[in-house]
Amino acid sequence: DTAVYYCAADAVPDCGATRIDEYD
């Protein structure tokens, strides 16, 4: 589990985005 952990917000309210460029 060792890693850098990031959070990201997507303007789309339902989960579905998985690509980095889909998050705002």
PDB file of all heavy atoms in Angstrom:
ATOM      1  N   ASP A   1       0.822  -1.220   0.000  1.00  0.00           N
ATOM      2  CA  ASP A   1       0.000   0.000   0.000  1.00  0.00           C
ATOM      3  C   ASP A   1       0.849   1.260   0.000  1.00  0.00           C
ATOM      4  O   ASP A   1       0.313   2.368  -0.091  1.00  0.00           O
ATOM      5  CB  ASP A   1      -0.922   0.025   1.230  1.00  0.00           C
ATOM      6  CG  ASP A   1      -1.930  -1.108   1.221  1.00  0.00           C
ATOM      7  OD1 ASP A   1      -2.528  -1.362   0.147  1.00  0.00           O
ATOM      8  OD2 ASP A   1      -2.126  -1.732   2.282  1.00  0.00           O
ATOM      9  N   THR A   2       2.139   1.109   0.106  1.00  0.00           N
ATOM     10  CA  THR A   2       3.036   2.263   0.089  1.00  0.00           C
ATOM     11  C   THR A   2       2.906   3.018  -1.228  1.00  0.00           C
ATOM     12  O   THR A   2       3.068   2.434  -2.305  1.00  0.00           O
ATOM     13  CB  THR A   2       4.491   1.817   0.301  1.00  0.00           C
ATOM     14  OG1 THR A   2       4.622   1.254   1.610  1.00  0.00           O
ATOM     15  CG2 THR A   2       5.452   2.988   0.144  1.00  0.00           C
ATOM     16  N   ALA A   3       2.595   4.293  -1.134  1.00  0.00           N
ATOM     17  CA  ALA A   3       2.361   5.108  -2.326  1.00  0.00           C
ATOM     18  C   ALA A   3       2.084   6.541  -1.897  1.00  0.00           C
ATOM     19  O   ALA A   3       1.887   6.822  -0.708  1.00  0.00           O
ATOM     20  CB  ALA A   3       1.173   4.578  -3.121  1.00  0.00           C
ATOM     21  N   VAL A   4       2.049   7.420  -2.875  1.00  0.00           N
ATOM     22  CA  VAL A   4       1.500   8.757  -2.653  1.00  0.00           C
ATOM     23  C   VAL A   4       0.010   8.672  -2.974  1.00  0.00           C
ATOM     24  O   VAL A   4      -0.374   8.172  -4.030  1.00  0.00           O
ATOM     25  CB  VAL A   4       2.182   9.814  -3.540  1.00  0.00           C
ATOM     26  CG1 VAL A   4       1.548  11.188  -3.312  1.00  0.00           C
ATOM     27  CG2 VAL A   4       3.683   9.862  -3.253  1.00  0.00           C
ATOM     28  N   TYR A   5      -0.800   9.146  -2.051  1.00  0.00           N
ATOM     29  CA  TYR A   5      -2.251   9.086  -2.198  1.00  0.00           C
ATOM     30  C   TYR A   5      -2.786  10.469  -2.553  1.00  0.00           C
ATOM     31  O   TYR A   5      -2.414  11.473  -1.924  1.00  0.00           O
ATOM     32  CB  TYR A   5      -2.887   8.579  -0.914  1.00  0.00           C
ATOM     33  CG  TYR A   5      -2.723   7.087  -0.733  1.00  0.00           C
ATOM     34  CD1 TYR A   5      -1.466   6.545  -0.448  1.00  0.00           C
ATOM     35  CD2 TYR A   5      -3.802   6.221  -0.873  1.00  0.00           C
ATOM     36  CE1 TYR A   5      -1.301   5.177  -0.311  1.00  0.00           C
ATOM     37  CE2 TYR A   5      -3.641   4.851  -0.734  1.00  0.00           C
ATOM     38  CZ  TYR A   5      -2.385   4.336  -0.453  1.00  0.00           C
ATOM     39  OH  TYR A   5      -2.220   2.981  -0.312  1.00  0.00           O
ATOM     40  N   TYR A   6      -3.664  10.482  -3.550  1.00  0.00           N
ATOM     41  CA  TYR A   6      -4.248  11.725  -4.036  1.00  0.00           C
ATOM     42  C   TYR A   6      -5.767  11.644  -3.982  1.00  0.00           C
ATOM     43  O   TYR A   6      -6.346  10.590  -4.237  1.00  0.00           O
ATOM     44  CB  TYR A   6      -3.860  11.971  -5.498  1.00  0.00           C
ATOM     45  CG  TYR A   6      -2.396  12.077  -5.782  1.00  0.00           C
ATOM     46  CD1 TYR A   6      -1.633  10.938  -6.056  1.00  0.00           C
ATOM     47  CD2 TYR A   6      -1.761  13.317  -5.815  1.00  0.00           C
ATOM     48  CE1 TYR A   6      -0.288  11.030  -6.329  1.00  0.00           C
ATOM     49  CE2 TYR A   6      -0.407  13.416  -6.096  1.00  0.00           C
ATOM     50  CZ  TYR A   6       0.316  12.268  -6.356  1.00  0.00           C
ATOM     51  OH  TYR A   6       1.665  12.375  -6.640  1.00  0.00           O
ATOM     52  N   CYS A   7      -6.401  12.772  -3.713  1.00  0.00           N
ATOM     53  CA  CYS A   7      -7.843  12.849  -3.911  1.00  0.00           C
ATOM     54  C   CYS A   7      -8.105  13.772  -5.100  1.00  0.00           C
ATOM     55  O   CYS A   7      -7.283  14.640  -5.423  1.00  0.00           O
ATOM     56  CB  CYS A   7      -8.570  13.340  -2.670  1.00  0.00           C
ATOM     57  SG  CYS A   7      -8.210  15.032  -2.168  1.00  0.00           S
ATOM     58  N   ALA A   8      -9.244  13.556  -5.729  1.00  0.00           N
ATOM     59  CA  ALA A   8      -9.608  14.337  -6.895  1.00  0.00           C
ATOM     60  C   ALA A   8     -11.124  14.511  -6.918  1.00  0.00           C
ATOM     61  O   ALA A   8     -11.856  13.617  -6.500  1.00  0.00           O
ATOM     62  CB  ALA A   8      -9.134  13.643  -8.165  1.00  0.00           C
ATOM     63  N   ALA A   9     -11.565  15.654  -7.398  1.00  0.00           N
ATOM     64  CA  ALA A   9     -12.992  15.970  -7.443  1.00  0.00           C
ATOM     65  C   ALA A   9     -13.468  16.060  -8.882  1.00  0.00           C
ATOM     66  O   ALA A   9     -12.816  16.688  -9.726  1.00  0.00           O
ATOM     67  CB  ALA A   9     -13.255  17.286  -6.711  1.00  0.00           C
ATOM     68  N   ASP A  10     -14.618  15.454  -9.135  1.00  0.00           N
ATOM     69  CA  ASP A  10     -15.221  15.427 -10.459  1.00  0.00           C
ATOM     70  C   ASP A  10     -16.586  16.094 -10.380  1.00  0.00           C
ATOM     71  O   ASP A  10     -17.392  15.750  -9.509  1.00  0.00           O
ATOM     72  CB  ASP A  10     -15.361  13.978 -10.918  1.00  0.00           C
ATOM     73  CG  ASP A  10     -15.927  13.835 -12.317  1.00  0.00           C
ATOM     74  OD1 ASP A  10     -16.117  14.857 -13.008  1.00  0.00           O
ATOM     75  OD2 ASP A  10     -16.191  12.688 -12.722  1.00  0.00           O
ATOM     76  N   ALA A  11     -16.849  17.018 -11.291  1.00  0.00           N
ATOM     77  CA  ALA A  11     -18.127  17.727 -11.277  1.00  0.00           C
ATOM     78  C   ALA A  11     -19.308  16.822 -11.592  1.00  0.00           C
ATOM     79  O   ALA A  11     -20.454  17.169 -11.315  1.00  0.00           O
ATOM     80  CB  ALA A  11     -18.084  18.894 -12.253  1.00  0.00           C
ATOM     81  N   VAL A  12     -19.047  15.650 -12.145  1.00  0.00           N
ATOM     82  CA  VAL A  12     -20.115  14.681 -12.379  1.00  0.00           C
ATOM     83  C   VAL A  12     -20.449  14.020 -11.056  1.00  0.00           C
ATOM     84  O   VAL A  12     -19.580  13.449 -10.419  1.00  0.00           O
ATOM     85  CB  VAL A  12     -19.684  13.627 -13.413  1.00  0.00           C
ATOM     86  CG1 VAL A  12     -20.773  12.576 -13.579  1.00  0.00           C
ATOM     87  CG2 VAL A  12     -19.353  14.302 -14.742  1.00  0.00           C
ATOM     88  N   PRO A  13     -21.698  14.069 -10.592  1.00  0.00           N
ATOM     89  CA  PRO A  13     -22.014  13.582  -9.245  1.00  0.00           C
ATOM     90  C   PRO A  13     -21.943  12.073  -9.059  1.00  0.00           C
ATOM     91  O   PRO A  13     -21.791  11.601  -7.927  1.00  0.00           O
ATOM     92  CB  PRO A  13     -23.442  14.096  -9.006  1.00  0.00           C
ATOM     93  CG  PRO A  13     -23.994  14.357 -10.365  1.00  0.00           C
ATOM     94  CD  PRO A  13     -22.850  14.736 -11.226  1.00  0.00           C
ATOM     95  N   ASP A  14     -22.059  11.310 -10.130  1.00  0.00           N
ATOM     96  CA  ASP A  14     -21.979   9.854 -10.006  1.00  0.00           C
ATOM     97  C   ASP A  14     -20.564   9.384 -10.290  1.00  0.00           C
ATOM     98  O   ASP A  14     -19.896   9.877 -11.201  1.00  0.00           O
ATOM     99  CB  ASP A  14     -22.926   9.180 -10.994  1.00  0.00           C
ATOM    100  CG  ASP A  14     -24.376   9.433 -10.647  1.00  0.00           C
ATOM    101  OD1 ASP A  14     -24.739   9.226  -9.478  1.00  0.00           O
ATOM    102  OD2 ASP A  14     -25.133   9.849 -11.538  1.00  0.00           O
ATOM    103  N   CYS A  15     -20.144   8.385  -9.524  1.00  0.00           N
ATOM    104  CA  CYS A  15     -18.826   7.795  -9.783  1.00  0.00           C
ATOM    105  C   CYS A  15     -18.854   7.095 -11.136  1.00  0.00           C
ATOM    106  O   CYS A  15     -19.799   6.382 -11.453  1.00  0.00           O
ATOM    107  CB  CYS A  15     -18.475   6.807  -8.680  1.00  0.00           C
ATOM    108  SG  CYS A  15     -18.063   7.575  -7.120  1.00  0.00           S
ATOM    109  N   GLY A  16     -17.823   7.290 -11.874  1.00  0.00           N
ATOM    110  CA  GLY A  16     -17.725   6.656 -13.190  1.00  0.00           C
ATOM    111  C   GLY A  16     -16.412   6.996 -13.842  1.00  0.00           C
ATOM    112  O   GLY A  16     -15.879   6.246 -14.644  1.00  0.00           O
ATOM    113  N   ALA A  17     -15.888   8.140 -13.462  1.00  0.00           N
ATOM    114  CA  ALA A  17     -14.612   8.562 -14.021  1.00  0.00           C
ATOM    115  C   ALA A  17     -13.490   7.741 -13.411  1.00  0.00           C
ATOM    116  O   ALA A  17     -13.470   7.502 -12.202  1.00  0.00           O
ATOM    117  CB  ALA A  17     -14.390  10.044 -13.735  1.00  0.00           C
ATOM    118  N   THR A  18     -12.583   7.289 -14.244  1.00  0.00           N
ATOM    119  CA  THR A  18     -11.417   6.556 -13.760  1.00  0.00           C
ATOM    120  C   THR A  18     -10.121   7.143 -14.294  1.00  0.00           C
ATOM    121  O   THR A  18      -9.059   6.881 -13.751  1.00  0.00           O
ATOM    122  CB  THR A  18     -11.489   5.070 -14.162  1.00  0.00           C
ATOM    123  OG1 THR A  18     -11.629   4.985 -15.582  1.00  0.00           O
ATOM    124  CG2 THR A  18     -12.669   4.389 -13.498  1.00  0.00           C
ATOM    125  N   ARG A  19     -10.206   7.916 -15.359  1.00  0.00           N
ATOM    126  CA  ARG A  19      -9.001   8.515 -15.930  1.00  0.00           C
ATOM    127  C   ARG A  19      -8.660   9.800 -15.218  1.00  0.00           C
ATOM    128  O   ARG A  19      -9.527  10.556 -14.791  1.00  0.00           O
ATOM    129  CB  ARG A  19      -9.202   8.787 -17.418  1.00  0.00           C
ATOM    130  CG  ARG A  19      -9.470   7.571 -18.274  1.00  0.00           C
ATOM    131  CD  ARG A  19      -9.220   7.892 -19.756  1.00  0.00           C
ATOM    132  NE  ARG A  19      -9.659   9.218 -20.111  1.00  0.00           N
ATOM    133  CZ  ARG A  19     -10.848   9.480 -20.640  1.00  0.00           C
ATOM    134  NH1 ARG A  19     -11.716   8.504 -20.819  1.00  0.00           N
ATOM    135  NH2 ARG A  19     -11.183  10.718 -20.970  1.00  0.00           N
ATOM    136  N   ILE A  20      -7.391  10.072 -15.151  1.00  0.00           N
ATOM    137  CA  ILE A  20      -6.914  11.272 -14.476  1.00  0.00           C
ATOM    138  C   ILE A  20      -7.517  12.518 -15.098  1.00  0.00           C
ATOM    139  O   ILE A  20      -7.920  13.450 -14.394  1.00  0.00           O
ATOM    140  CB  ILE A  20      -5.377  11.305 -14.524  1.00  0.00           C
ATOM    141  CG1 ILE A  20      -4.790  10.182 -13.668  1.00  0.00           C
ATOM    142  CG2 ILE A  20      -4.852  12.661 -14.075  1.00  0.00           C
ATOM    143  CD1 ILE A  20      -3.295  10.039 -13.771  1.00  0.00           C
ATOM    144  N   ASP A  21      -7.619  12.561 -16.415  1.00  0.00           N
ATOM    145  CA  ASP A  21      -8.076  13.782 -17.080  1.00  0.00           C
ATOM    146  C   ASP A  21      -9.588  14.001 -16.962  1.00  0.00           C
ATOM    147  O   ASP A  21     -10.101  15.024 -17.409  1.00  0.00           O
ATOM    148  CB  ASP A  21      -7.655  13.787 -18.547  1.00  0.00           C
ATOM    149  CG  ASP A  21      -8.242  12.634 -19.354  1.00  0.00           C
ATOM    150  OD1 ASP A  21      -8.942  11.778 -18.753  1.00  0.00           O
ATOM    151  OD2 ASP A  21      -7.995  12.568 -20.565  1.00  0.00           O
ATOM    152  N   GLU A  22     -10.283  13.069 -16.344  1.00  0.00           N
ATOM    153  CA  GLU A  22     -11.724  13.244 -16.153  1.00  0.00           C
ATOM    154  C   GLU A  22     -12.037  14.026 -14.887  1.00  0.00           C
ATOM    155  O   GLU A  22     -13.165  14.444 -14.684  1.00  0.00           O
ATOM    156  CB  GLU A  22     -12.415  11.887 -16.106  1.00  0.00           C
ATOM    157  CG  GLU A  22     -12.390  11.137 -17.432  1.00  0.00           C
ATOM    158  CD  GLU A  22     -13.116   9.805 -17.337  1.00  0.00           C
ATOM    159  OE1 GLU A  22     -12.572   8.883 -16.708  1.00  0.00           O
ATOM    160  OE2 GLU A  22     -14.219   9.696 -17.896  1.00  0.00           O
ATOM    161  N   TYR A  23     -11.041  14.184 -14.022  1.00  0.00           N
ATOM    162  CA  TYR A  23     -11.262  14.880 -12.767  1.00  0.00           C
ATOM    163  C   TYR A  23     -10.889  16.353 -12.895  1.00  0.00           C
ATOM    164  O   TYR A  23      -9.952  16.718 -13.604  1.00  0.00           O
ATOM    165  CB  TYR A  23     -10.472  14.215 -11.642  1.00  0.00           C
ATOM    166  CG  TYR A  23     -11.138  12.952 -11.143  1.00  0.00           C
ATOM    167  CD1 TYR A  23     -10.953  11.736 -11.795  1.00  0.00           C
ATOM    168  CD2 TYR A  23     -11.988  12.989 -10.033  1.00  0.00           C
ATOM    169  CE1 TYR A  23     -11.602  10.589 -11.349  1.00  0.00           C
ATOM    170  CE2 TYR A  23     -12.624  11.841  -9.586  1.00  0.00           C
ATOM    171  CZ  TYR A  23     -12.427  10.648 -10.240  1.00  0.00           C
ATOM    172  OH  TYR A  23     -13.068   9.521  -9.805  1.00  0.00           O
ATOM    173  N   ASP A  24     -11.643  17.191 -12.187  1.00  0.00           N
ATOM    174  CA  ASP A  24     -11.499  18.639 -12.337  1.00  0.00           C
ATOM    175  C   ASP A  24     -10.484  19.257 -11.386  1.00  0.00           C
ATOM    176  O   ASP A  24      -9.837  20.254 -11.720  1.00  0.00           O
ATOM    177  CB  ASP A  24     -12.856  19.312 -12.121  1.00  0.00           C
ATOM    178  CG  ASP A  24     -13.890  18.830 -13.118  1.00  0.00           C
ATOM    179  OD1 ASP A  24     -13.772  19.201 -14.301  1.00  0.00           O
ATOM    180  OD2 ASP A  24     -14.796  18.074 -12.728  1.00  0.00           O
TER     181      ASP A  24
END
